[in-house]
Amino acid sequence: MAKRVPPTFPRSQTVLNQLGARLRAARLRRGMTLAEMAARVDVSIPTLSKVERGDPSTTFATVLRVLGVLGMTGDVERIATDDPIGRELQDVALKRPSRRRTKTS
């Protein structure tokens, strides 16, 4: 039975495609073939091809291993370090007057 992959939003697919292209370019700049990279990442060549094509069925762990082989794990540490929307929501919540219930007899 084939693994079910949920649909990907168009914007997310664009991001995956761009990431895959950047990873491919980084591999090529290092002079590595698909076979060499797949062996170092410990995945099959088709799986590595999926990563480079932006296939949403690849796991985040595989992408992390690819980044590790490329020496780019520092990039991952910056993901979601800044949360402007969350901070704004928190600030709005702090500015709201609290609703206190009064005790009635």
PDB file of N, CA and C in Angstrom:
ATOM      1  N   MET A   1       0.844  -1.182   0.000  1.00  0.00           N
ATOM      2  CA  MET A   1       0.000   0.000   0.000  1.00  0.00           C
ATOM      3  C   MET A   1       0.886   1.241   0.000  1.00  0.00           C
ATOM      4  N   ALA A   2       0.617   2.156  -0.889  1.00  0.00           N
ATOM      5  CA  ALA A   2       1.421   3.366  -1.022  1.00  0.00           C
ATOM      6  C   ALA A   2       1.210   4.293   0.167  1.00  0.00           C
ATOM      7  N   LYS A   3       2.280   4.978   0.528  1.00  0.00           N
ATOM      8  CA  LYS A   3       2.221   5.934   1.620  1.00  0.00           C
ATOM      9  C   LYS A   3       1.392   7.138   1.186  1.00  0.00           C
ATOM     10  N   ARG A   4       0.446   7.542   2.016  1.00  0.00           N
ATOM     11  CA  ARG A   4      -0.398   8.689   1.687  1.00  0.00           C
ATOM     12  C   ARG A   4       0.321   9.972   2.069  1.00  0.00           C
ATOM     13  N   VAL A   5       0.433  10.873   1.117  1.00  0.00           N
ATOM     14  CA  VAL A   5       1.055  12.168   1.358  1.00  0.00           C
ATOM     15  C   VAL A   5      -0.028  13.226   1.280  1.00  0.00           C
ATOM     16  N   PRO A   6      -0.223  13.988   2.362  1.00  0.00           N
ATOM     17  CA  PRO A   6      -1.252  15.021   2.323  1.00  0.00           C
ATOM     18  C   PRO A   6      -0.930  16.068   1.256  1.00  0.00           C
ATOM     19  N   PRO A   7      -1.939  16.750   0.759  1.00  0.00           N
ATOM     20  CA  PRO A   7      -1.682  17.764  -0.265  1.00  0.00           C
ATOM     21  C   PRO A   7      -0.807  18.885   0.289  1.00  0.00           C
ATOM     22  N   THR A   8      -0.027  19.466  -0.588  1.00  0.00           N
ATOM     23  CA  THR A   8       0.859  20.562  -0.196  1.00  0.00           C
ATOM     24  C   THR A   8       0.316  21.853  -0.780  1.00  0.00           C
ATOM     25  N   PHE A   9       0.274  22.892   0.035  1.00  0.00           N
ATOM     26  CA  PHE A   9      -0.181  24.190  -0.448  1.00  0.00           C
ATOM     27  C   PHE A   9       0.795  24.695  -1.502  1.00  0.00           C
ATOM     28  N   PRO A  10       0.309  25.423  -2.502  1.00  0.00           N
ATOM     29  CA  PRO A  10       1.190  25.894  -3.583  1.00  0.00           C
ATOM     30  C   PRO A  10       2.406  26.673  -3.076  1.00  0.00           C
ATOM     31  N   ARG A  11       2.219  27.551  -2.116  1.00  0.00           N
ATOM     32  CA  ARG A  11       3.353  28.339  -1.582  1.00  0.00           C
ATOM     33  C   ARG A  11       4.362  27.414  -0.919  1.00  0.00           C
ATOM     34  N   SER A  12       3.889  26.433  -0.182  1.00  0.00           N
ATOM     35  CA  SER A  12       4.786  25.488   0.470  1.00  0.00           C
ATOM     36  C   SER A  12       5.536  24.655  -0.555  1.00  0.00           C
ATOM     37  N   GLN A  13       4.863  24.276  -1.627  1.00  0.00           N
ATOM     38  CA  GLN A  13       5.527  23.500  -2.672  1.00  0.00           C
ATOM     39  C   GLN A  13       6.624  24.324  -3.338  1.00  0.00           C
ATOM     40  N   THR A  14       6.360  25.606  -3.528  1.00  0.00           N
ATOM     41  CA  THR A  14       7.373  26.494  -4.098  1.00  0.00           C
ATOM     42  C   THR A  14       8.597  26.556  -3.191  1.00  0.00           C
ATOM     43  N   VAL A  15       8.363  26.659  -1.893  1.00  0.00           N
ATOM     44  CA  VAL A  15       9.467  26.694  -0.925  1.00  0.00           C
ATOM     45  C   VAL A  15      10.258  25.383  -0.979  1.00  0.00           C
ATOM     46  N   LEU A  16       9.553  24.248  -1.038  1.00  0.00           N
ATOM     47  CA  LEU A  16      10.233  22.952  -1.125  1.00  0.00           C
ATOM     48  C   LEU A  16      11.053  22.836  -2.411  1.00  0.00           C
ATOM     49  N   ASN A  17      10.486  23.291  -3.522  1.00  0.00           N
ATOM     50  CA  ASN A  17      11.207  23.256  -4.793  1.00  0.00           C
ATOM     51  C   ASN A  17      12.477  24.097  -4.730  1.00  0.00           C
ATOM     52  N   GLN A  18      12.365  25.276  -4.140  1.00  0.00           N
ATOM     53  CA  GLN A  18      13.521  26.166  -4.034  1.00  0.00           C
ATOM     54  C   GLN A  18      14.584  25.574  -3.106  1.00  0.00           C
ATOM     55  N   LEU A  19      14.153  24.991  -2.006  1.00  0.00           N
ATOM     56  CA  LEU A  19      15.097  24.352  -1.089  1.00  0.00           C
ATOM     57  C   LEU A  19      15.816  23.207  -1.793  1.00  0.00           C
ATOM     58  N   GLY A  20      15.058  22.375  -2.487  1.00  0.00           N
ATOM     59  CA  GLY A  20      15.660  21.265  -3.215  1.00  0.00           C
ATOM     60  C   GLY A  20      16.694  21.741  -4.226  1.00  0.00           C
ATOM     61  N   ALA A  21      16.383  22.807  -4.941  1.00  0.00           N
ATOM     62  CA  ALA A  21      17.317  23.359  -5.929  1.00  0.00           C
ATOM     63  C   ALA A  21      18.583  23.880  -5.250  1.00  0.00           C
ATOM     64  N   ARG A  22      18.419  24.521  -4.098  1.00  0.00           N
ATOM     65  CA  ARG A  22      19.596  25.012  -3.363  1.00  0.00           C
ATOM     66  C   ARG A  22      20.458  23.864  -2.853  1.00  0.00           C
ATOM     67  N   LEU A  23      19.814  22.796  -2.377  1.00  0.00           N
ATOM     68  CA  LEU A  23      20.572  21.640  -1.901  1.00  0.00           C
ATOM     69  C   LEU A  23      21.314  20.967  -3.051  1.00  0.00           C
ATOM     70  N   ARG A  24      20.668  20.874  -4.195  1.00  0.00           N
ATOM     71  CA  ARG A  24      21.318  20.296  -5.369  1.00  0.00           C
ATOM     72  C   ARG A  24      22.523  21.134  -5.773  1.00  0.00           C
ATOM     73  N   ALA A  25      22.336  22.445  -5.807  1.00  0.00           N
ATOM     74  CA  ALA A  25      23.442  23.341  -6.176  1.00  0.00           C
ATOM     75  C   ALA A  25      24.601  23.204  -5.191  1.00  0.00           C
ATOM     76  N   ALA A  26      24.291  23.092  -3.904  1.00  0.00           N
ATOM     77  CA  ALA A  26      25.347  22.928  -2.887  1.00  0.00           C
ATOM     78  C   ALA A  26      26.096  21.613  -3.099  1.00  0.00           C
ATOM     79  N   ARG A  27      25.365  20.552  -3.429  1.00  0.00           N
ATOM     80  CA  ARG A  27      26.004  19.258  -3.694  1.00  0.00           C
ATOM     81  C   ARG A  27      26.926  19.360  -4.898  1.00  0.00           C
ATOM     82  N   LEU A  28      26.439  19.992  -5.961  1.00  0.00           N
ATOM     83  CA  LEU A  28      27.238  20.122  -7.181  1.00  0.00           C
ATOM     84  C   LEU A  28      28.467  21.005  -6.960  1.00  0.00           C
ATOM     85  N   ARG A  29      28.318  22.064  -6.171  1.00  0.00           N
ATOM     86  CA  ARG A  29      29.471  22.918  -5.871  1.00  0.00           C
ATOM     87  C   ARG A  29      30.566  22.139  -5.151  1.00  0.00           C
ATOM     88  N   ARG A  30      30.170  21.115  -4.416  1.00  0.00           N
ATOM     89  CA  ARG A  30      31.137  20.280  -3.697  1.00  0.00           C
ATOM     90  C   ARG A  30      31.658  19.139  -4.572  1.00  0.00           C
ATOM     91  N   GLY A  31      31.171  19.073  -5.793  1.00  0.00           N
ATOM     92  CA  GLY A  31      31.634  18.063  -6.736  1.00  0.00           C
ATOM     93  C   GLY A  31      31.189  16.655  -6.400  1.00  0.00           C
ATOM     94  N   MET A  32      30.040  16.540  -5.754  1.00  0.00           N
ATOM     95  CA  MET A  32      29.533  15.228  -5.360  1.00  0.00           C
ATOM     96  C   MET A  32      28.474  14.747  -6.335  1.00  0.00           C
ATOM     97  N   THR A  33      28.523  13.472  -6.672  1.00  0.00           N
ATOM     98  CA  THR A  33      27.475  12.875  -7.496  1.00  0.00           C
ATOM     99  C   THR A  33      26.294  12.516  -6.607  1.00  0.00           C
ATOM    100  N   LEU A  34      25.164  12.231  -7.231  1.00  0.00           N
ATOM    101  CA  LEU A  34      23.995  11.758  -6.474  1.00  0.00           C
ATOM    102  C   LEU A  34      24.344  10.506  -5.683  1.00  0.00           C
ATOM    103  N   ALA A  35      25.082   9.585  -6.316  1.00  0.00           N
ATOM    104  CA  ALA A  35      25.429   8.330  -5.658  1.00  0.00           C
ATOM    105  C   ALA A  35      26.313   8.571  -4.435  1.00  0.00           C
ATOM    106  N   GLU A  36      27.293   9.464  -4.550  1.00  0.00           N
ATOM    107  CA  GLU A  36      28.177   9.766  -3.419  1.00  0.00           C
ATOM    108  C   GLU A  36      27.394  10.395  -2.272  1.00  0.00           C
ATOM    109  N   MET A  37      26.562  11.340  -2.619  1.00  0.00           N
ATOM    110  CA  MET A  37      25.778  12.030  -1.595  1.00  0.00           C
ATOM    111  C   MET A  37      24.807  11.073  -0.927  1.00  0.00           C
ATOM    112  N   ALA A  38      24.127  10.255  -1.724  1.00  0.00           N
ATOM    113  CA  ALA A  38      23.168   9.300  -1.161  1.00  0.00           C
ATOM    114  C   ALA A  38      23.872   8.352  -0.197  1.00  0.00           C
ATOM    115  N   ALA A  39      25.063   7.902  -0.547  1.00  0.00           N
ATOM    116  CA  ALA A  39      25.810   7.002   0.335  1.00  0.00           C
ATOM    117  C   ALA A  39      26.176   7.698   1.644  1.00  0.00           C
ATOM    118  N   ARG A  40      26.584   8.946   1.565  1.00  0.00           N
ATOM    119  CA  ARG A  40      26.960   9.684   2.781  1.00  0.00           C
ATOM    120  C   ARG A  40      25.757  10.000   3.661  1.00  0.00           C
ATOM    121  N   VAL A  41      24.614  10.237   3.027  1.00  0.00           N
ATOM    122  CA  VAL A  41      23.388  10.535   3.780  1.00  0.00           C
ATOM    123  C   VAL A  41      22.723   9.245   4.264  1.00  0.00           C
ATOM    124  N   ASP A  42      23.099   8.125   3.654  1.00  0.00           N
ATOM    125  CA  ASP A  42      22.546   6.803   3.963  1.00  0.00           C
ATOM    126  C   ASP A  42      21.091   6.691   3.521  1.00  0.00           C
ATOM    127  N   VAL A  43      20.850   7.141   2.283  1.00  0.00           N
ATOM    128  CA  VAL A  43      19.539   6.998   1.643  1.00  0.00           C
ATOM    129  C   VAL A  43      19.772   6.489   0.225  1.00  0.00           C
ATOM    130  N   SER A  44      18.706   6.094  -0.424  1.00  0.00           N
ATOM    131  CA  SER A  44      18.813   5.648  -1.812  1.00  0.00           C
ATOM    132  C   SER A  44      18.938   6.864  -2.737  1.00  0.00           C
ATOM    133  N   ILE A  45      19.426   6.611  -3.937  1.00  0.00           N
ATOM    134  CA  ILE A  45      19.525   7.682  -4.931  1.00  0.00           C
ATOM    135  C   ILE A  45      18.141   8.264  -5.245  1.00  0.00           C
ATOM    136  N   PRO A  46      17.099   7.427  -5.426  1.00  0.00           N
ATOM    137  CA  PRO A  46      15.767   8.007  -5.662  1.00  0.00           C
ATOM    138  C   PRO A  46      15.283   8.905  -4.515  1.00  0.00           C
ATOM    139  N   THR A  47      15.608   8.545  -3.280  1.00  0.00           N
ATOM    140  CA  THR A  47      15.198   9.388  -2.148  1.00  0.00           C
ATOM    141  C   THR A  47      15.914  10.724  -2.194  1.00  0.00           C
ATOM    142  N   LEU A  48      17.211  10.706  -2.467  1.00  0.00           N
ATOM    143  CA  LEU A  48      17.951  11.956  -2.570  1.00  0.00           C
ATOM    144  C   LEU A  48      17.425  12.797  -3.737  1.00  0.00           C
ATOM    145  N   SER A  49      17.069  12.147  -4.832  1.00  0.00           N
ATOM    146  CA  SER A  49      16.478  12.868  -5.967  1.00  0.00           C
ATOM    147  C   SER A  49      15.178  13.551  -5.557  1.00  0.00           C
ATOM    148  N   LYS A  50      14.381  12.860  -4.740  1.00  0.00           N
ATOM    149  CA  LYS A  50      13.130  13.456  -4.253  1.00  0.00           C
ATOM    150  C   LYS A  50      13.404  14.716  -3.435  1.00  0.00           C
ATOM    151  N   VAL A  51      14.412  14.651  -2.575  1.00  0.00           N
ATOM    152  CA  VAL A  51      14.774  15.829  -1.769  1.00  0.00           C
ATOM    153  C   VAL A  51      15.120  16.987  -2.694  1.00  0.00           C
ATOM    154  N   GLU A  52      15.943  16.718  -3.696  1.00  0.00           N
ATOM    155  CA  GLU A  52      16.390  17.773  -4.604  1.00  0.00           C
ATOM    156  C   GLU A  52      15.285  18.286  -5.518  1.00  0.00           C
ATOM    157  N   ARG A  53      14.233  17.502  -5.709  1.00  0.00           N
ATOM    158  CA  ARG A  53      13.083  17.946  -6.516  1.00  0.00           C
ATOM    159  C   ARG A  53      12.019  18.635  -5.668  1.00  0.00           C
ATOM    160  N   GLY A  54      12.196  18.625  -4.347  1.00  0.00           N
ATOM    161  CA  GLY A  54      11.213  19.251  -3.472  1.00  0.00           C
ATOM    162  C   GLY A  54       9.994  18.393  -3.229  1.00  0.00           C
ATOM    163  N   ASP A  55      10.167  17.087  -3.310  1.00  0.00           N
ATOM    164  CA  ASP A  55       9.051  16.162  -3.080  1.00  0.00           C
ATOM    165  C   ASP A  55       8.638  16.229  -1.601  1.00  0.00           C
ATOM    166  N   PRO A  56       7.365  16.539  -1.328  1.00  0.00           N
ATOM    167  CA  PRO A  56       6.920  16.682   0.061  1.00  0.00           C
ATOM    168  C   PRO A  56       6.873  15.368   0.849  1.00  0.00           C
ATOM    169  N   SER A  57       7.059  14.240   0.183  1.00  0.00           N
ATOM    170  CA  SER A  57       7.001  12.970   0.914  1.00  0.00           C
ATOM    171  C   SER A  57       8.309  12.642   1.625  1.00  0.00           C
ATOM    172  N   THR A  58       9.365  13.407   1.362  1.00  0.00           N
ATOM    173  CA  THR A  58      10.633  13.145   2.055  1.00  0.00           C
ATOM    174  C   THR A  58      10.546  13.661   3.482  1.00  0.00           C
ATOM    175  N   THR A  59      11.276  13.006   4.372  1.00  0.00           N
ATOM    176  CA  THR A  59      11.179  13.383   5.780  1.00  0.00           C
ATOM    177  C   THR A  59      12.116  14.537   6.111  1.00  0.00           C
ATOM    178  N   PHE A  60      11.764  15.230   7.156  1.00  0.00           N
ATOM    179  CA  PHE A  60      12.604  16.320   7.645  1.00  0.00           C
ATOM    180  C   PHE A  60      13.945  15.763   8.114  1.00  0.00           C
ATOM    181  N   ALA A  61      13.934  14.571   8.688  1.00  0.00           N
ATOM    182  CA  ALA A  61      15.180  13.943   9.143  1.00  0.00           C
ATOM    183  C   ALA A  61      16.140  13.730   7.973  1.00  0.00           C
ATOM    184  N   THR A  62      15.612  13.359   6.821  1.00  0.00           N
ATOM    185  CA  THR A  62      16.463  13.173   5.645  1.00  0.00           C
ATOM    186  C   THR A  62      17.064  14.509   5.216  1.00  0.00           C
ATOM    187  N   VAL A  63      16.253  15.551   5.208  1.00  0.00           N
ATOM    188  CA  VAL A  63      16.755  16.878   4.849  1.00  0.00           C
ATOM    189  C   VAL A  63      17.838  17.299   5.842  1.00  0.00           C
ATOM    190  N   LEU A  64      17.636  17.027   7.126  1.00  0.00           N
ATOM    191  CA  LEU A  64      18.648  17.360   8.132  1.00  0.00           C
ATOM    192  C   LEU A  64      19.954  16.626   7.875  1.00  0.00           C
ATOM    193  N   ARG A  65      19.868  15.358   7.488  1.00  0.00           N
ATOM    194  CA  ARG A  65      21.086  14.591   7.198  1.00  0.00           C
ATOM    195  C   ARG A  65      21.785  15.151   5.962  1.00  0.00           C
ATOM    196  N   VAL A  66      21.015  15.551   4.955  1.00  0.00           N
ATOM    197  CA  VAL A  66      21.606  16.167   3.763  1.00  0.00           C
ATOM    198  C   VAL A  66      22.343  17.444   4.168  1.00  0.00           C
ATOM    199  N   LEU A  67      21.693  18.277   4.954  1.00  0.00           N
ATOM    200  CA  LEU A  67      22.329  19.511   5.421  1.00  0.00           C
ATOM    201  C   LEU A  67      23.595  19.212   6.219  1.00  0.00           C
ATOM    202  N   GLY A  68      23.554  18.160   7.021  1.00  0.00           N
ATOM    203  CA  GLY A  68      24.720  17.780   7.801  1.00  0.00           C
ATOM    204  C   GLY A  68      25.894  17.394   6.912  1.00  0.00           C
ATOM    205  N   VAL A  69      25.644  16.604   5.898  1.00  0.00           N
ATOM    206  CA  VAL A  69      26.702  16.195   4.969  1.00  0.00           C
ATOM    207  C   VAL A  69      27.268  17.414   4.245  1.00  0.00           C
ATOM    208  N   LEU A  70      26.402  18.378   3.933  1.00  0.00           N
ATOM    209  CA  LEU A  70      26.844  19.583   3.233  1.00  0.00           C
ATOM    210  C   LEU A  70      27.500  20.594   4.175  1.00  0.00           C
ATOM    211  N   GLY A  71      27.454  20.321   5.484  1.00  0.00           N
ATOM    212  CA  GLY A  71      28.020  21.257   6.453  1.00  0.00           C
ATOM    213  C   GLY A  71      27.169  22.498   6.640  1.00  0.00           C
ATOM    214  N   MET A  72      25.867  22.332   6.512  1.00  0.00           N
ATOM    215  CA  MET A  72      24.953  23.474   6.571  1.00  0.00           C
ATOM    216  C   MET A  72      23.944  23.375   7.703  1.00  0.00           C
ATOM    217  N   THR A  73      24.240  22.631   8.753  1.00  0.00           N
ATOM    218  CA  THR A  73      23.255  22.466   9.827  1.00  0.00           C
ATOM    219  C   THR A  73      23.004  23.758  10.593  1.00  0.00           C
ATOM    220  N   GLY A  74      23.933  24.687  10.533  1.00  0.00           N
ATOM    221  CA  GLY A  74      23.729  25.970  11.196  1.00  0.00           C
ATOM    222  C   GLY A  74      22.513  26.698  10.666  1.00  0.00           C
ATOM    223  N   ASP A  75      22.181  26.467   9.402  1.00  0.00           N
ATOM    224  CA  ASP A  75      20.999  27.093   8.814  1.00  0.00           C
ATOM    225  C   ASP A  75      19.733  26.644   9.524  1.00  0.00           C
ATOM    226  N   VAL A  76      19.688  25.390   9.921  1.00  0.00           N
ATOM    227  CA  VAL A  76      18.498  24.832  10.573  1.00  0.00           C
ATOM    228  C   VAL A  76      18.290  25.479  11.938  1.00  0.00           C
ATOM    229  N   GLU A  77      19.362  25.809  12.596  1.00  0.00           N
ATOM    230  CA  GLU A  77      19.255  26.401  13.930  1.00  0.00           C
ATOM    231  C   GLU A  77      18.581  27.765  13.910  1.00  0.00           C
ATOM    232  N   ARG A  78      18.501  28.386  12.738  1.00  0.00           N
ATOM    233  CA  ARG A  78      17.853  29.694  12.633  1.00  0.00           C
ATOM    234  C   ARG A  78      16.363  29.600  12.345  1.00  0.00           C
ATOM    235  N   ILE A  79      15.872  28.403  12.003  1.00  0.00           N
ATOM    236  CA  ILE A  79      14.457  28.245  11.679  1.00  0.00           C
ATOM    237  C   ILE A  79      13.618  28.563  12.916  1.00  0.00           C
ATOM    238  N   ALA A  80      12.657  29.423  12.741  1.00  0.00           N
ATOM    239  CA  ALA A  80      11.686  29.798  13.777  1.00  0.00           C
ATOM    240  C   ALA A  80      12.328  30.414  15.019  1.00  0.00           C
ATOM    241  N   THR A  81      13.523  31.028  14.870  1.00  0.00           N
ATOM    242  CA  THR A  81      14.117  31.692  16.026  1.00  0.00           C
ATOM    243  C   THR A  81      13.416  33.003  16.337  1.00  0.00           C
ATOM    244  N   ASP A  82      12.870  33.634  15.317  1.00  0.00           N
ATOM    245  CA  ASP A  82      12.135  34.873  15.507  1.00  0.00           C
ATOM    246  C   ASP A  82      10.663  34.576  15.244  1.00  0.00           C
ATOM    247  N   ASP A  83       9.811  35.033  16.118  1.00  0.00           N
ATOM    248  CA  ASP A  83       8.376  34.755  15.991  1.00  0.00           C
ATOM    249  C   ASP A  83       7.591  36.059  16.124  1.00  0.00           C
ATOM    250  N   PRO A  84       7.649  36.929  15.112  1.00  0.00           N
ATOM    251  CA  PRO A  84       6.977  38.220  15.236  1.00  0.00           C
ATOM    252  C   PRO A  84       5.469  38.115  15.419  1.00  0.00           C
ATOM    253  N   ILE A  85       4.819  37.179  14.749  1.00  0.00           N
ATOM    254  CA  ILE A  85       3.367  37.035  14.897  1.00  0.00           C
ATOM    255  C   ILE A  85       3.024  36.570  16.308  1.00  0.00           C
ATOM    256  N   GLY A  86       3.743  35.590  16.795  1.00  0.00           N
ATOM    257  CA  GLY A  86       3.495  35.097  18.154  1.00  0.00           C
ATOM    258  C   GLY A  86       3.722  36.174  19.203  1.00  0.00           C
ATOM    259  N   ARG A  87       4.775  36.955  19.018  1.00  0.00           N
ATOM    260  CA  ARG A  87       5.053  38.044  19.971  1.00  0.00           C
ATOM    261  C   ARG A  87       3.959  39.117  19.924  1.00  0.00           C
ATOM    262  N   GLU A  88       3.478  39.414  18.721  1.00  0.00           N
ATOM    263  CA  GLU A  88       2.413  40.400  18.592  1.00  0.00           C
ATOM    264  C   GLU A  88       1.139  39.904  19.270  1.00  0.00           C
ATOM    265  N   LEU A  89       0.804  38.645  19.055  1.00  0.00           N
ATOM    266  CA  LEU A  89      -0.375  38.069  19.713  1.00  0.00           C
ATOM    267  C   LEU A  89      -0.222  38.096  21.231  1.00  0.00           C
ATOM    268  N   GLN A  90       0.978  37.803  21.698  1.00  0.00           N
ATOM    269  CA  GLN A  90       1.234  37.830  23.135  1.00  0.00           C
ATOM    270  C   GLN A  90       1.084  39.251  23.682  1.00  0.00           C
ATOM    271  N   ASP A  91       1.618  40.233  22.946  1.00  0.00           N
ATOM    272  CA  ASP A  91       1.507  41.626  23.387  1.00  0.00           C
ATOM    273  C   ASP A  91       0.050  42.075  23.442  1.00  0.00           C
ATOM    274  N   VAL A  92      -0.736  41.691  22.430  1.00  0.00           N
ATOM    275  CA  VAL A  92      -2.160  42.052  22.415  1.00  0.00           C
ATOM    276  C   VAL A  92      -2.868  41.428  23.608  1.00  0.00           C
ATOM    277  N   ALA A  93      -2.557  40.175  23.897  1.00  0.00           N
ATOM    278  CA  ALA A  93      -3.196  39.495  25.029  1.00  0.00           C
ATOM    279  C   ALA A  93      -2.824  40.168  26.348  1.00  0.00           C
ATOM    280  N   LEU A  94      -1.613  40.663  26.456  1.00  0.00           N
ATOM    281  CA  LEU A  94      -1.182  41.316  27.693  1.00  0.00           C
ATOM    282  C   LEU A  94      -1.834  42.682  27.875  1.00  0.00           C
ATOM    283  N   LYS A  95      -2.215  43.327  26.771  1.00  0.00           N
ATOM    284  CA  LYS A  95      -2.832  44.654  26.835  1.00  0.00           C
ATOM    285  C   LYS A  95      -4.321  44.601  27.145  1.00  0.00           C
ATOM    286  N   ARG A  96      -4.938  43.440  26.918  1.00  0.00           N
ATOM    287  CA  ARG A  96      -6.378  43.311  27.185  1.00  0.00           C
ATOM    288  C   ARG A  96      -6.627  43.361  28.688  1.00  0.00           C
ATOM    289  N   PRO A  97      -7.673  44.076  29.067  1.00  0.00           N
ATOM    290  CA  PRO A  97      -8.010  44.051  30.499  1.00  0.00           C
ATOM    291  C   PRO A  97      -8.509  42.655  30.876  1.00  0.00           C
ATOM    292  N   SER A  98      -8.085  42.200  31.994  1.00  0.00           N
ATOM    293  CA  SER A  98      -8.517  40.867  32.414  1.00  0.00           C
ATOM    294  C   SER A  98      -9.963  40.929  32.892  1.00  0.00           C
ATOM    295  N   ARG A  99     -10.665  39.866  32.649  1.00  0.00           N
ATOM    296  CA  ARG A  99     -12.065  39.780  33.085  1.00  0.00           C
ATOM    297  C   ARG A  99     -12.077  39.123  34.452  1.00  0.00           C
ATOM    298  N   ARG A 100     -12.463  39.892  35.399  1.00  0.00           N
ATOM    299  CA  ARG A 100     -12.576  39.338  36.744  1.00  0.00           C
ATOM    300  C   ARG A 100     -14.034  39.146  37.086  1.00  0.00           C
ATOM    301  N   ARG A 101     -14.292  37.994  37.581  1.00  0.00           N
ATOM    302  CA  ARG A 101     -15.667  37.733  38.024  1.00  0.00           C
ATOM    303  C   ARG A 101     -15.808  38.198  39.462  1.00  0.00           C
ATOM    304  N   THR A 102     -16.907  38.850  39.685  1.00  0.00           N
ATOM    305  CA  THR A 102     -17.172  39.264  41.054  1.00  0.00           C
ATOM    306  C   THR A 102     -18.044  38.215  41.710  1.00  0.00           C
ATOM    307  N   LYS A 103     -17.761  37.986  42.919  1.00  0.00           N
ATOM    308  CA  LYS A 103     -18.488  36.981  43.677  1.00  0.00           C
ATOM    309  C   LYS A 103     -19.846  37.569  44.111  1.00  0.00           C
ATOM    310  N   THR A 104     -20.900  36.861  43.744  1.00  0.00           N
ATOM    311  CA  THR A 104     -22.243  37.320  44.136  1.00  0.00           C
ATOM    312  C   THR A 104     -22.782  36.417  45.222  1.00  0.00           C
ATOM    313  N   SER A 105     -23.525  37.004  46.112  1.00  0.00           N
ATOM    314  CA  SER A 105     -24.080  36.231  47.207  1.00  0.00           C
ATOM    315  C   SER A 105     -25.408  35.665  46.881  1.00  0.00           C
TER     316      SER A 105
END
